[in-house]
């Protein structure tokens, strides 16, 4: 299984970006898909995830600004709509897929989001 992420880039504070992540390969069943991020010099942080039952989780730092969604027409695709971006949102964003069963998570290569002040 390979995850392909896109949508990162440079944006001014207050702007918006939309991250996309699509999984390719044999995926039988999914617990959840979501996004982590890692800013320079900081630990990786869970940003948001969405379960197969479409329950969602958001880190407090992004609640009300970010929205995670899935594409039900695709096997495994997840999106992160990021609004009202702040310089502190600058980080490499990593998509992940948590499969059902005793299997490890799959990770995408990361996409850089830079928010200028």
PDB file of N, CA and C in Angstrom:
ATOM      1  N   UNK A   1       0.854  -1.192   0.000  1.00  0.00           N
ATOM      2  CA  UNK A   1       0.000   0.000   0.000  1.00  0.00           C
ATOM      3  C   UNK A   1       0.887   1.238   0.000  1.00  0.00           C
ATOM      4  N   UNK A   2       0.585   2.165  -0.879  1.00  0.00           N
ATOM      5  CA  UNK A   2       1.321   3.432  -0.928  1.00  0.00           C
ATOM      6  C   UNK A   2       0.342   4.587  -0.783  1.00  0.00           C
ATOM      7  N   UNK A   3       0.760   5.565   0.009  1.00  0.00           N
ATOM      8  CA  UNK A   3      -0.033   6.773   0.180  1.00  0.00           C
ATOM      9  C   UNK A   3       0.603   7.911  -0.596  1.00  0.00           C
ATOM     10  N   UNK A   4      -0.244   8.618  -1.322  1.00  0.00           N
ATOM     11  CA  UNK A   4       0.211   9.754  -2.122  1.00  0.00           C
ATOM     12  C   UNK A   4      -0.475  11.009  -1.616  1.00  0.00           C
ATOM     13  N   UNK A   5       0.319  11.962  -1.146  1.00  0.00           N
ATOM     14  CA  UNK A   5      -0.238  13.197  -0.606  1.00  0.00           C
ATOM     15  C   UNK A   5       0.120  14.359  -1.503  1.00  0.00           C
ATOM     16  N   UNK A   6      -0.740  15.362  -1.512  1.00  0.00           N
ATOM     17  CA  UNK A   6      -0.482  16.565  -2.299  1.00  0.00           C
ATOM     18  C   UNK A   6      -1.226  17.731  -1.676  1.00  0.00           C
ATOM     19  N   UNK A   7      -0.896  18.931  -2.147  1.00  0.00           N
ATOM     20  CA  UNK A   7      -1.634  20.109  -1.716  1.00  0.00           C
ATOM     21  C   UNK A   7      -0.872  21.056  -0.823  1.00  0.00           C
ATOM     22  N   UNK A   8       0.326  20.678  -0.403  1.00  0.00           N
ATOM     23  CA  UNK A   8       1.105  21.584   0.426  1.00  0.00           C
ATOM     24  C   UNK A   8       1.605  22.767  -0.374  1.00  0.00           C
ATOM     25  N   UNK A   9       2.167  23.738   0.332  1.00  0.00           N
ATOM     26  CA  UNK A   9       2.705  24.901  -0.357  1.00  0.00           C
ATOM     27  C   UNK A   9       2.898  26.060   0.593  1.00  0.00           C
ATOM     28  N   UNK A  10       3.113  27.220  -0.008  1.00  0.00           N
ATOM     29  CA  UNK A  10       3.344  28.458   0.741  1.00  0.00           C
ATOM     30  C   UNK A  10       2.090  29.316   0.688  1.00  0.00           C
ATOM     31  N   UNK A  11       1.653  29.796   1.838  1.00  0.00           N
ATOM     32  CA  UNK A  11       0.458  30.632   1.902  1.00  0.00           C
ATOM     33  C   UNK A  11       0.657  31.687   2.976  1.00  0.00           C
ATOM     34  N   UNK A  12       0.004  32.812   2.813  1.00  0.00           N
ATOM     35  CA  UNK A  12       0.085  33.860   3.831  1.00  0.00           C
ATOM     36  C   UNK A  12      -0.855  33.530   4.990  1.00  0.00           C
ATOM     37  N   UNK A  13      -0.533  34.072   6.133  1.00  0.00           N
ATOM     38  CA  UNK A  13      -1.387  33.888   7.308  1.00  0.00           C
ATOM     39  C   UNK A  13      -2.808  34.337   6.979  1.00  0.00           C
ATOM     40  N   UNK A  14      -3.765  33.533   7.429  1.00  0.00           N
ATOM     41  CA  UNK A  14      -5.165  33.810   7.125  1.00  0.00           C
ATOM     42  C   UNK A  14      -5.661  33.108   5.877  1.00  0.00           C
ATOM     43  N   UNK A  15      -4.743  32.544   5.127  1.00  0.00           N
ATOM     44  CA  UNK A  15      -5.111  31.867   3.889  1.00  0.00           C
ATOM     45  C   UNK A  15      -5.548  30.434   4.108  1.00  0.00           C
ATOM     46  N   UNK A  16      -5.759  29.727   2.995  1.00  0.00           N
ATOM     47  CA  UNK A  16      -6.278  28.361   3.049  1.00  0.00           C
ATOM     48  C   UNK A  16      -5.480  27.448   2.132  1.00  0.00           C
ATOM     49  N   UNK A  17      -5.443  26.193   2.518  1.00  0.00           N
ATOM     50  CA  UNK A  17      -4.874  25.140   1.688  1.00  0.00           C
ATOM     51  C   UNK A  17      -5.708  23.879   1.874  1.00  0.00           C
ATOM     52  N   UNK A  18      -5.670  23.015   0.876  1.00  0.00           N
ATOM     53  CA  UNK A  18      -6.378  21.729   0.967  1.00  0.00           C
ATOM     54  C   UNK A  18      -5.390  20.619   0.670  1.00  0.00           C
ATOM     55  N   UNK A  19      -5.191  19.756   1.646  1.00  0.00           N
ATOM     56  CA  UNK A  19      -4.320  18.603   1.474  1.00  0.00           C
ATOM     57  C   UNK A  19      -5.154  17.395   1.054  1.00  0.00           C
ATOM     58  N   UNK A  20      -4.580  16.603   0.160  1.00  0.00           N
ATOM     59  CA  UNK A  20      -5.233  15.383  -0.305  1.00  0.00           C
ATOM     60  C   UNK A  20      -4.311  14.200  -0.079  1.00  0.00           C
ATOM     61  N   UNK A  21      -4.902  13.054   0.187  1.00  0.00           N
ATOM     62  CA  UNK A  21      -4.116  11.836   0.366  1.00  0.00           C
ATOM     63  C   UNK A  21      -4.923  10.662  -0.162  1.00  0.00           C
ATOM     64  N   UNK A  22      -4.315   9.913  -1.052  1.00  0.00           N
ATOM     65  CA  UNK A  22      -4.993   8.767  -1.635  1.00  0.00           C
ATOM     66  C   UNK A  22      -4.105   7.542  -1.497  1.00  0.00           C
ATOM     67  N   UNK A  23      -4.731   6.440  -1.093  1.00  0.00           N
ATOM     68  CA  UNK A  23      -4.001   5.198  -0.922  1.00  0.00           C
ATOM     69  C   UNK A  23      -4.164   4.338  -2.164  1.00  0.00           C
ATOM     70  N   UNK A  24      -3.079   3.687  -2.542  1.00  0.00           N
ATOM     71  CA  UNK A  24      -3.076   2.798  -3.701  1.00  0.00           C
ATOM     72  C   UNK A  24      -2.562   1.437  -3.272  1.00  0.00           C
ATOM     73  N   UNK A  25      -3.255   0.390  -3.690  1.00  0.00           N
ATOM     74  CA  UNK A  25      -2.840  -0.955  -3.332  1.00  0.00           C
ATOM     75  C   UNK A  25      -3.999  -1.733  -2.750  1.00  0.00           C
ATOM     76  N   UNK A  26      -3.690  -2.897  -2.215  1.00  0.00           N
ATOM     77  CA  UNK A  26      -4.717  -3.789  -1.672  1.00  0.00           C
ATOM     78  C   UNK A  26      -5.050  -3.374  -0.246  1.00  0.00           C
ATOM     79  N   UNK A  27      -6.207  -2.767  -0.085  1.00  0.00           N
ATOM     80  CA  UNK A  27      -6.649  -2.327   1.239  1.00  0.00           C
ATOM     81  C   UNK A  27      -7.973  -3.012   1.525  1.00  0.00           C
ATOM     82  N   UNK A  28      -7.994  -3.838   2.537  1.00  0.00           N
ATOM     83  CA  UNK A  28      -9.198  -4.604   2.781  1.00  0.00           C
ATOM     84  C   UNK A  28     -10.173  -3.868   3.678  1.00  0.00           C
ATOM     85  N   UNK A  29      -9.664  -3.288   4.718  1.00  0.00           N
ATOM     86  CA  UNK A  29     -10.552  -2.617   5.655  1.00  0.00           C
ATOM     87  C   UNK A  29      -9.754  -1.587   6.442  1.00  0.00           C
ATOM     88  N   UNK A  30     -10.393  -0.467   6.708  1.00  0.00           N
ATOM     89  CA  UNK A  30      -9.681   0.664   7.316  1.00  0.00           C
ATOM     90  C   UNK A  30     -10.332   1.065   8.623  1.00  0.00           C
ATOM     91  N   UNK A  31      -9.526   1.258   9.633  1.00  0.00           N
ATOM     92  CA  UNK A  31     -10.022   1.855  10.871  1.00  0.00           C
ATOM     93  C   UNK A  31     -10.186   3.360  10.705  1.00  0.00           C
ATOM     94  N   UNK A  32      -9.127   3.994  10.233  1.00  0.00           N
ATOM     95  CA  UNK A  32      -9.135   5.453  10.133  1.00  0.00           C
ATOM     96  C   UNK A  32      -8.038   5.924   9.198  1.00  0.00           C
ATOM     97  N   UNK A  33      -8.202   7.141   8.726  1.00  0.00           N
ATOM     98  CA  UNK A  33      -7.140   7.847   7.998  1.00  0.00           C
ATOM     99  C   UNK A  33      -7.030   9.239   8.597  1.00  0.00           C
ATOM    100  N   UNK A  34      -5.843   9.785   8.528  1.00  0.00           N
ATOM    101  CA  UNK A  34      -5.694  11.109   9.114  1.00  0.00           C
ATOM    102  C   UNK A  34      -4.371  11.742   8.789  1.00  0.00           C
ATOM    103  N   UNK A  35      -4.066  12.773   9.559  1.00  0.00           N
ATOM    104  CA  UNK A  35      -2.869  13.573   9.321  1.00  0.00           C
ATOM    105  C   UNK A  35      -2.142  13.856  10.632  1.00  0.00           C
ATOM    106  N   UNK A  36      -0.839  13.704  10.576  1.00  0.00           N
ATOM    107  CA  UNK A  36       0.060  14.205  11.603  1.00  0.00           C
ATOM    108  C   UNK A  36       0.839  15.360  10.991  1.00  0.00           C
ATOM    109  N   UNK A  37       1.484  16.127  11.834  1.00  0.00           N
ATOM    110  CA  UNK A  37       2.406  17.143  11.336  1.00  0.00           C
ATOM    111  C   UNK A  37       3.608  17.231  12.260  1.00  0.00           C
ATOM    112  N   UNK A  38       4.703  17.690  11.682  1.00  0.00           N
ATOM    113  CA  UNK A  38       5.918  17.884  12.456  1.00  0.00           C
ATOM    114  C   UNK A  38       6.569  19.187  12.055  1.00  0.00           C
ATOM    115  N   UNK A  39       6.631  20.092  13.003  1.00  0.00           N
ATOM    116  CA  UNK A  39       7.291  21.376  12.780  1.00  0.00           C
ATOM    117  C   UNK A  39       8.772  21.243  13.125  1.00  0.00           C
ATOM    118  N   UNK A  40       9.596  22.102  12.572  1.00  0.00           N
ATOM    119  CA  UNK A  40      11.033  22.034  12.853  1.00  0.00           C
ATOM    120  C   UNK A  40      11.327  22.079  14.344  1.00  0.00           C
ATOM    121  N   UNK A  41      12.092  21.118  14.836  1.00  0.00           N
ATOM    122  CA  UNK A  41      12.482  21.098  16.230  1.00  0.00           C
ATOM    123  C   UNK A  41      11.407  20.631  17.183  1.00  0.00           C
ATOM    124  N   UNK A  42      10.278  20.162  16.646  1.00  0.00           N
ATOM    125  CA  UNK A  42       9.174  19.731  17.510  1.00  0.00           C
ATOM    126  C   UNK A  42       8.820  18.275  17.238  1.00  0.00           C
ATOM    127  N   UNK A  43       8.094  17.681  18.169  1.00  0.00           N
ATOM    128  CA  UNK A  43       7.645  16.311  18.003  1.00  0.00           C
ATOM    129  C   UNK A  43       6.486  16.246  17.025  1.00  0.00           C
ATOM    130  N   UNK A  44       6.304  15.057  16.436  1.00  0.00           N
ATOM    131  CA  UNK A  44       5.183  14.856  15.540  1.00  0.00           C
ATOM    132  C   UNK A  44       3.886  14.966  16.336  1.00  0.00           C
ATOM    133  N   UNK A  45       2.907  15.635  15.748  1.00  0.00           N
ATOM    134  CA  UNK A  45       1.651  15.940  16.428  1.00  0.00           C
ATOM    135  C   UNK A  45       0.484  15.414  15.592  1.00  0.00           C
ATOM    136  N   UNK A  46      -0.468  14.755  16.247  1.00  0.00           N
ATOM    137  CA  UNK A  46      -1.673  14.321  15.565  1.00  0.00           C
ATOM    138  C   UNK A  46      -2.558  15.536  15.301  1.00  0.00           C
ATOM    139  N   UNK A  47      -2.921  15.742  14.049  1.00  0.00           N
ATOM    140  CA  UNK A  47      -3.727  16.903  13.675  1.00  0.00           C
ATOM    141  C   UNK A  47      -5.211  16.540  13.628  1.00  0.00           C
ATOM    142  N   UNK A  48      -5.536  15.490  12.884  1.00  0.00           N
ATOM    143  CA  UNK A  48      -6.934  15.096  12.726  1.00  0.00           C
ATOM    144  C   UNK A  48      -6.992  13.697  12.142  1.00  0.00           C
ATOM    145  N   UNK A  49      -8.088  13.001  12.440  1.00  0.00           N
ATOM    146  CA  UNK A  49      -8.350  11.746  11.761  1.00  0.00           C
ATOM    147  C   UNK A  49      -9.847  11.550  11.598  1.00  0.00           C
ATOM    148  N   UNK A  50     -10.201  10.652  10.683  1.00  0.00           N
ATOM    149  CA  UNK A  50     -11.591  10.316  10.432  1.00  0.00           C
ATOM    150  C   UNK A  50     -11.691   8.802  10.356  1.00  0.00           C
ATOM    151  N   UNK A  51     -12.669   8.240  11.050  1.00  0.00           N
ATOM    152  CA  UNK A  51     -12.812   6.790  11.090  1.00  0.00           C
ATOM    153  C   UNK A  51     -13.683   6.294   9.943  1.00  0.00           C
ATOM    154  N   UNK A  52     -13.765   4.976   9.828  1.00  0.00           N
ATOM    155  CA  UNK A  52     -14.605   4.380   8.790  1.00  0.00           C
ATOM    156  C   UNK A  52     -16.081   4.703   9.033  1.00  0.00           C
ATOM    157  N   UNK A  53     -16.413   5.009  10.292  1.00  0.00           N
ATOM    158  CA  UNK A  53     -17.796   5.411  10.607  1.00  0.00           C
ATOM    159  C   UNK A  53     -17.966   6.922  10.529  1.00  0.00           C
ATOM    160  N   UNK A  54     -16.951   7.591   9.983  1.00  0.00           N
ATOM    161  CA  UNK A  54     -16.899   9.055   9.787  1.00  0.00           C
ATOM    162  C   UNK A  54     -16.902   9.852  11.081  1.00  0.00           C
ATOM    163  N   UNK A  55     -16.516   9.224  12.185  1.00  0.00           N
ATOM    164  CA  UNK A  55     -16.242  10.009  13.380  1.00  0.00           C
ATOM    165  C   UNK A  55     -14.929  10.751  13.163  1.00  0.00           C
ATOM    166  N   UNK A  56     -14.840  11.944  13.724  1.00  0.00           N
ATOM    167  CA  UNK A  56     -13.644  12.758  13.507  1.00  0.00           C
ATOM    168  C   UNK A  56     -13.017  13.177  14.837  1.00  0.00           C
ATOM    169  N   UNK A  57     -11.721  13.443  14.740  1.00  0.00           N
ATOM    170  CA  UNK A  57     -10.954  13.979  15.864  1.00  0.00           C
ATOM    171  C   UNK A  57     -10.126  15.125  15.343  1.00  0.00           C
ATOM    172  N   UNK A  58     -10.014  16.183  16.154  1.00  0.00           N
ATOM    173  CA  UNK A  58      -9.156  17.317  15.819  1.00  0.00           C
ATOM    174  C   UNK A  58      -8.321  17.697  17.031  1.00  0.00           C
ATOM    175  N   UNK A  59      -7.086  18.046  16.786  1.00  0.00           N
ATOM    176  CA  UNK A  59      -6.276  18.630  17.841  1.00  0.00           C
ATOM    177  C   UNK A  59      -6.885  19.973  18.229  1.00  0.00           C
ATOM    178  N   UNK A  60      -6.743  20.329  19.487  1.00  0.00           N
ATOM    179  CA  UNK A  60      -7.314  21.600  19.953  1.00  0.00           C
ATOM    180  C   UNK A  60      -6.794  22.783  19.146  1.00  0.00           C
ATOM    181  N   UNK A  61      -5.558  22.696  18.718  1.00  0.00           N
ATOM    182  CA  UNK A  61      -4.924  23.813  18.017  1.00  0.00           C
ATOM    183  C   UNK A  61      -5.527  24.078  16.640  1.00  0.00           C
ATOM    184  N   UNK A  62      -6.283  23.121  16.105  1.00  0.00           N
ATOM    185  CA  UNK A  62      -6.836  23.310  14.751  1.00  0.00           C
ATOM    186  C   UNK A  62      -8.356  23.282  14.725  1.00  0.00           C
ATOM    187  N   UNK A  63      -8.992  23.015  15.855  1.00  0.00           N
ATOM    188  CA  UNK A  63     -10.455  22.951  15.900  1.00  0.00           C
ATOM    189  C   UNK A  63     -11.057  24.266  15.419  1.00  0.00           C
ATOM    190  N   UNK A  64     -12.069  24.137  14.582  1.00  0.00           N
ATOM    191  CA  UNK A  64     -12.740  25.312  14.052  1.00  0.00           C
ATOM    192  C   UNK A  64     -12.076  25.898  12.830  1.00  0.00           C
ATOM    193  N   UNK A  65     -10.866  25.437  12.509  1.00  0.00           N
ATOM    194  CA  UNK A  65     -10.148  25.957  11.343  1.00  0.00           C
ATOM    195  C   UNK A  65      -9.909  24.877  10.286  1.00  0.00           C
ATOM    196  N   UNK A  66      -9.701  23.659  10.732  1.00  0.00           N
ATOM    197  CA  UNK A  66      -9.417  22.556   9.814  1.00  0.00           C
ATOM    198  C   UNK A  66     -10.633  21.627   9.742  1.00  0.00           C
ATOM    199  N   UNK A  67     -10.838  21.042   8.572  1.00  0.00           N
ATOM    200  CA  UNK A  67     -11.914  20.072   8.391  1.00  0.00           C
ATOM    201  C   UNK A  67     -11.372  18.868   7.647  1.00  0.00           C
ATOM    202  N   UNK A  68     -11.572  17.691   8.224  1.00  0.00           N
ATOM    203  CA  UNK A  68     -11.131  16.461   7.572  1.00  0.00           C
ATOM    204  C   UNK A  68     -12.348  15.779   6.953  1.00  0.00           C
ATOM    205  N   UNK A  69     -12.141  15.179   5.795  1.00  0.00           N
ATOM    206  CA  UNK A  69     -13.239  14.497   5.122  1.00  0.00           C
ATOM    207  C   UNK A  69     -12.699  13.326   4.319  1.00  0.00           C
ATOM    208  N   UNK A  70     -13.622  12.441   3.930  1.00  0.00           N
ATOM    209  CA  UNK A  70     -13.250  11.296   3.107  1.00  0.00           C
ATOM    210  C   UNK A  70     -14.073  11.328   1.833  1.00  0.00           C
ATOM    211  N   UNK A  71     -13.543  10.689   0.826  1.00  0.00           N
ATOM    212  CA  UNK A  71     -14.252  10.553  -0.440  1.00  0.00           C
ATOM    213  C   UNK A  71     -14.827   9.148  -0.483  1.00  0.00           C
ATOM    214  N   UNK A  72     -16.144   9.034  -0.387  1.00  0.00           N
ATOM    215  CA  UNK A  72     -16.766   7.717  -0.347  1.00  0.00           C
ATOM    216  C   UNK A  72     -16.804   7.026  -1.711  1.00  0.00           C
ATOM    217  N   UNK A  73     -16.451   7.777  -2.750  1.00  0.00           N
ATOM    218  CA  UNK A  73     -16.422   7.153  -4.074  1.00  0.00           C
ATOM    219  C   UNK A  73     -15.092   6.472  -4.337  1.00  0.00           C
ATOM    220  N   UNK A  74     -14.130   6.725  -3.441  1.00  0.00           N
ATOM    221  CA  UNK A  74     -12.812   6.123  -3.584  1.00  0.00           C
ATOM    222  C   UNK A  74     -12.550   5.190  -2.411  1.00  0.00           C
ATOM    223  N   UNK A  75     -11.679   4.243  -2.644  1.00  0.00           N
ATOM    224  CA  UNK A  75     -11.407   3.255  -1.611  1.00  0.00           C
ATOM    225  C   UNK A  75     -10.817   3.883  -0.360  1.00  0.00           C
ATOM    226  N   UNK A  76      -9.823   4.693  -0.565  1.00  0.00           N
ATOM    227  CA  UNK A  76      -9.155   5.277   0.588  1.00  0.00           C
ATOM    228  C   UNK A  76      -8.568   6.624   0.190  1.00  0.00           C
ATOM    229  N   UNK A  77      -9.339   7.663   0.410  1.00  0.00           N
ATOM    230  CA  UNK A  77      -8.882   9.014   0.134  1.00  0.00           C
ATOM    231  C   UNK A  77      -9.361   9.914   1.260  1.00  0.00           C
ATOM    232  N   UNK A  78      -8.490  10.772   1.698  1.00  0.00           N
ATOM    233  CA  UNK A  78      -8.830  11.679   2.791  1.00  0.00           C
ATOM    234  C   UNK A  78      -8.304  13.065   2.457  1.00  0.00           C
ATOM    235  N   UNK A  79      -9.019  14.063   2.936  1.00  0.00           N
ATOM    236  CA  UNK A  79      -8.680  15.450   2.630  1.00  0.00           C
ATOM    237  C   UNK A  79      -8.646  16.263   3.925  1.00  0.00           C
ATOM    238  N   UNK A  80      -7.816  17.297   3.919  1.00  0.00           N
ATOM    239  CA  UNK A  80      -7.739  18.195   5.056  1.00  0.00           C
ATOM    240  C   UNK A  80      -7.861  19.617   4.535  1.00  0.00           C
ATOM    241  N   UNK A  81      -9.011  20.223   4.798  1.00  0.00           N
ATOM    242  CA  UNK A  81      -9.237  21.611   4.425  1.00  0.00           C
ATOM    243  C   UNK A  81      -8.732  22.473   5.568  1.00  0.00           C
ATOM    244  N   UNK A  82      -7.764  23.329   5.267  1.00  0.00           N
ATOM    245  CA  UNK A  82      -7.139  24.150   6.305  1.00  0.00           C
ATOM    246  C   UNK A  82      -7.428  25.618   6.023  1.00  0.00           C
ATOM    247  N   UNK A  83      -8.157  26.240   6.908  1.00  0.00           N
ATOM    248  CA  UNK A  83      -8.522  27.645   6.775  1.00  0.00           C
ATOM    249  C   UNK A  83      -7.915  28.466   7.903  1.00  0.00           C
ATOM    250  N   UNK A  84      -7.916  29.761   7.720  1.00  0.00           N
ATOM    251  CA  UNK A  84      -7.380  30.682   8.740  1.00  0.00           C
ATOM    252  C   UNK A  84      -6.010  30.217   9.218  1.00  0.00           C
ATOM    253  N   UNK A  85      -5.158  29.904   8.282  1.00  0.00           N
ATOM    254  CA  UNK A  85      -3.851  29.357   8.628  1.00  0.00           C
ATOM    255  C   UNK A  85      -3.000  30.362   9.385  1.00  0.00           C
ATOM    256  N   UNK A  86      -2.203  29.827  10.297  1.00  0.00           N
ATOM    257  CA  UNK A  86      -1.332  30.641  11.150  1.00  0.00           C
ATOM    258  C   UNK A  86       0.118  30.213  10.913  1.00  0.00           C
ATOM    259  N   UNK A  87       1.060  31.086  11.187  1.00  0.00           N
ATOM    260  CA  UNK A  87       2.472  30.683  11.035  1.00  0.00           C
ATOM    261  C   UNK A  87       2.807  29.427  11.840  1.00  0.00           C
ATOM    262  N   UNK A  88       2.157  29.218  12.966  1.00  0.00           N
ATOM    263  CA  UNK A  88       2.439  28.038  13.776  1.00  0.00           C
ATOM    264  C   UNK A  88       1.900  26.751  13.165  1.00  0.00           C
ATOM    265  N   UNK A  89       1.153  26.850  12.071  1.00  0.00           N
ATOM    266  CA  UNK A  89       0.719  25.661  11.336  1.00  0.00           C
ATOM    267  C   UNK A  89       1.805  25.167  10.379  1.00  0.00           C
ATOM    268  N   UNK A  90       2.870  25.934  10.244  1.00  0.00           N
ATOM    269  CA  UNK A  90       3.968  25.533   9.374  1.00  0.00           C
ATOM    270  C   UNK A  90       4.571  24.221   9.854  1.00  0.00           C
ATOM    271  N   UNK A  91       4.610  23.241   8.957  1.00  0.00           N
ATOM    272  CA  UNK A  91       5.095  21.916   9.315  1.00  0.00           C
ATOM    273  C   UNK A  91       5.068  21.030   8.075  1.00  0.00           C
ATOM    274  N   UNK A  92       5.692  19.869   8.206  1.00  0.00           N
ATOM    275  CA  UNK A  92       5.500  18.816   7.218  1.00  0.00           C
ATOM    276  C   UNK A  92       4.301  18.000   7.677  1.00  0.00           C
ATOM    277  N   UNK A  93       3.346  17.844   6.796  1.00  0.00           N
ATOM    278  CA  UNK A  93       2.116  17.113   7.114  1.00  0.00           C
ATOM    279  C   UNK A  93       2.205  15.707   6.520  1.00  0.00           C
ATOM    280  N   UNK A  94       1.933  14.730   7.365  1.00  0.00           N
ATOM    281  CA  UNK A  94       2.014  13.321   6.972  1.00  0.00           C
ATOM    282  C   UNK A  94       0.634  12.690   7.031  1.00  0.00           C
ATOM    283  N   UNK A  95       0.256  12.078   5.926  1.00  0.00           N
ATOM    284  CA  UNK A  95      -0.978  11.313   5.870  1.00  0.00           C
ATOM    285  C   UNK A  95      -0.701   9.901   6.383  1.00  0.00           C
ATOM    286  N   UNK A  96      -1.682   9.305   7.073  1.00  0.00           N
ATOM    287  CA  UNK A  96      -1.519   7.916   7.494  1.00  0.00           C
ATOM    288  C   UNK A  96      -2.832   7.159   7.332  1.00  0.00           C
ATOM    289  N   UNK A  97      -2.690   5.859   7.254  1.00  0.00           N
ATOM    290  CA  UNK A  97      -3.841   4.965   7.139  1.00  0.00           C
ATOM    291  C   UNK A  97      -3.696   3.884   8.200  1.00  0.00           C
ATOM    292  N   UNK A  98      -4.693   3.744   9.018  1.00  0.00           N
ATOM    293  CA  UNK A  98      -4.715   2.744  10.088  1.00  0.00           C
ATOM    294  C   UNK A  98      -5.617   1.602   9.649  1.00  0.00           C
ATOM    295  N   UNK A  99      -5.034   0.481   9.202  1.00  0.00           N
ATOM    296  CA  UNK A  99      -5.878  -0.626   8.733  1.00  0.00           C
ATOM    297  C   UNK A  99      -6.433  -1.451   9.890  1.00  0.00           C
ATOM    298  N   UNK A 100      -7.550  -2.111   9.635  1.00  0.00           N
ATOM    299  CA  UNK A 100      -8.100  -3.000  10.645  1.00  0.00           C
ATOM    300  C   UNK A 100      -7.240  -4.252  10.752  1.00  0.00           C
ATOM    301  N   UNK A 101      -7.321  -4.882  11.901  1.00  0.00           N
ATOM    302  CA  UNK A 101      -6.495  -6.067  12.127  1.00  0.00           C
ATOM    303  C   UNK A 101      -5.155  -5.680  12.712  1.00  0.00           C
ATOM    304  N   UNK A 102      -4.363  -6.671  12.994  1.00  0.00           N
ATOM    305  CA  UNK A 102      -3.070  -6.457  13.644  1.00  0.00           C
ATOM    306  C   UNK A 102      -2.024  -6.099  12.579  1.00  0.00           C
ATOM    307  N   UNK A 103      -2.197  -4.930  11.978  1.00  0.00           N
ATOM    308  CA  UNK A 103      -1.316  -4.483  10.911  1.00  0.00           C
ATOM    309  C   UNK A 103      -0.756  -3.108  11.249  1.00  0.00           C
ATOM    310  N   UNK A 104       0.456  -2.831  10.810  1.00  0.00           N
ATOM    311  CA  UNK A 104       1.021  -1.500  11.084  1.00  0.00           C
ATOM    312  C   UNK A 104       0.356  -0.422  10.236  1.00  0.00           C
ATOM    313  N   UNK A 105       0.466   0.816  10.686  1.00  0.00           N
ATOM    314  CA  UNK A 105      -0.054   1.933   9.916  1.00  0.00           C
ATOM    315  C   UNK A 105       0.785   2.130   8.662  1.00  0.00           C
ATOM    316  N   UNK A 106       0.166   2.690   7.644  1.00  0.00           N
ATOM    317  CA  UNK A 106       0.865   3.108   6.438  1.00  0.00           C
ATOM    318  C   UNK A 106       1.021   4.628   6.472  1.00  0.00           C
ATOM    319  N   UNK A 107       2.146   5.092   5.955  1.00  0.00           N
ATOM    320  CA  UNK A 107       2.453   6.519   6.001  1.00  0.00           C
ATOM    321  C   UNK A 107       2.788   7.054   4.617  1.00  0.00           C
ATOM    322  N   UNK A 108       2.365   8.288   4.369  1.00  0.00           N
ATOM    323  CA  UNK A 108       2.771   8.984   3.170  1.00  0.00           C
ATOM    324  C   UNK A 108       4.102   9.681   3.393  1.00  0.00           C
ATOM    325  N   UNK A 109       4.709  10.202   2.339  1.00  0.00           N
ATOM    326  CA  UNK A 109       6.041  10.800   2.424  1.00  0.00           C
ATOM    327  C   UNK A 109       6.059  12.185   3.054  1.00  0.00           C
ATOM    328  N   UNK A 110       4.918  12.816   3.223  1.00  0.00           N
ATOM    329  CA  UNK A 110       4.895  14.142   3.831  1.00  0.00           C
ATOM    330  C   UNK A 110       4.801  15.233   2.781  1.00  0.00           C
ATOM    331  N   UNK A 111       4.065  16.268   3.125  1.00  0.00           N
ATOM    332  CA  UNK A 111       3.951  17.437   2.253  1.00  0.00           C
ATOM    333  C   UNK A 111       4.134  18.684   3.111  1.00  0.00           C
ATOM    334  N   UNK A 112       4.949  19.620   2.615  1.00  0.00           N
ATOM    335  CA  UNK A 112       5.321  20.792   3.403  1.00  0.00           C
ATOM    336  C   UNK A 112       4.282  21.896   3.267  1.00  0.00           C
ATOM    337  N   UNK A 113       3.861  22.407   4.407  1.00  0.00           N
ATOM    338  CA  UNK A 113       2.982  23.574   4.473  1.00  0.00           C
ATOM    339  C   UNK A 113       3.752  24.691   5.170  1.00  0.00           C
ATOM    340  N   UNK A 114       3.861  25.820   4.496  1.00  0.00           N
ATOM    341  CA  UNK A 114       4.552  26.970   5.060  1.00  0.00           C
ATOM    342  C   UNK A 114       3.596  28.146   5.092  1.00  0.00           C
ATOM    343  N   UNK A 115       3.399  28.712   6.269  1.00  0.00           N
ATOM    344  CA  UNK A 115       2.509  29.852   6.431  1.00  0.00           C
ATOM    345  C   UNK A 115       3.349  31.058   6.826  1.00  0.00           C
ATOM    346  N   UNK A 116       3.348  32.064   5.980  1.00  0.00           N
ATOM    347  CA  UNK A 116       4.145  33.259   6.243  1.00  0.00           C
ATOM    348  C   UNK A 116       3.308  34.292   6.989  1.00  0.00           C
ATOM    349  N   UNK A 117       3.984  35.063   7.818  1.00  0.00           N
ATOM    350  CA  UNK A 117       3.269  36.071   8.609  1.00  0.00           C
ATOM    351  C   UNK A 117       3.187  37.388   7.873  1.00  0.00           C
TER     352      UNK A 117
END
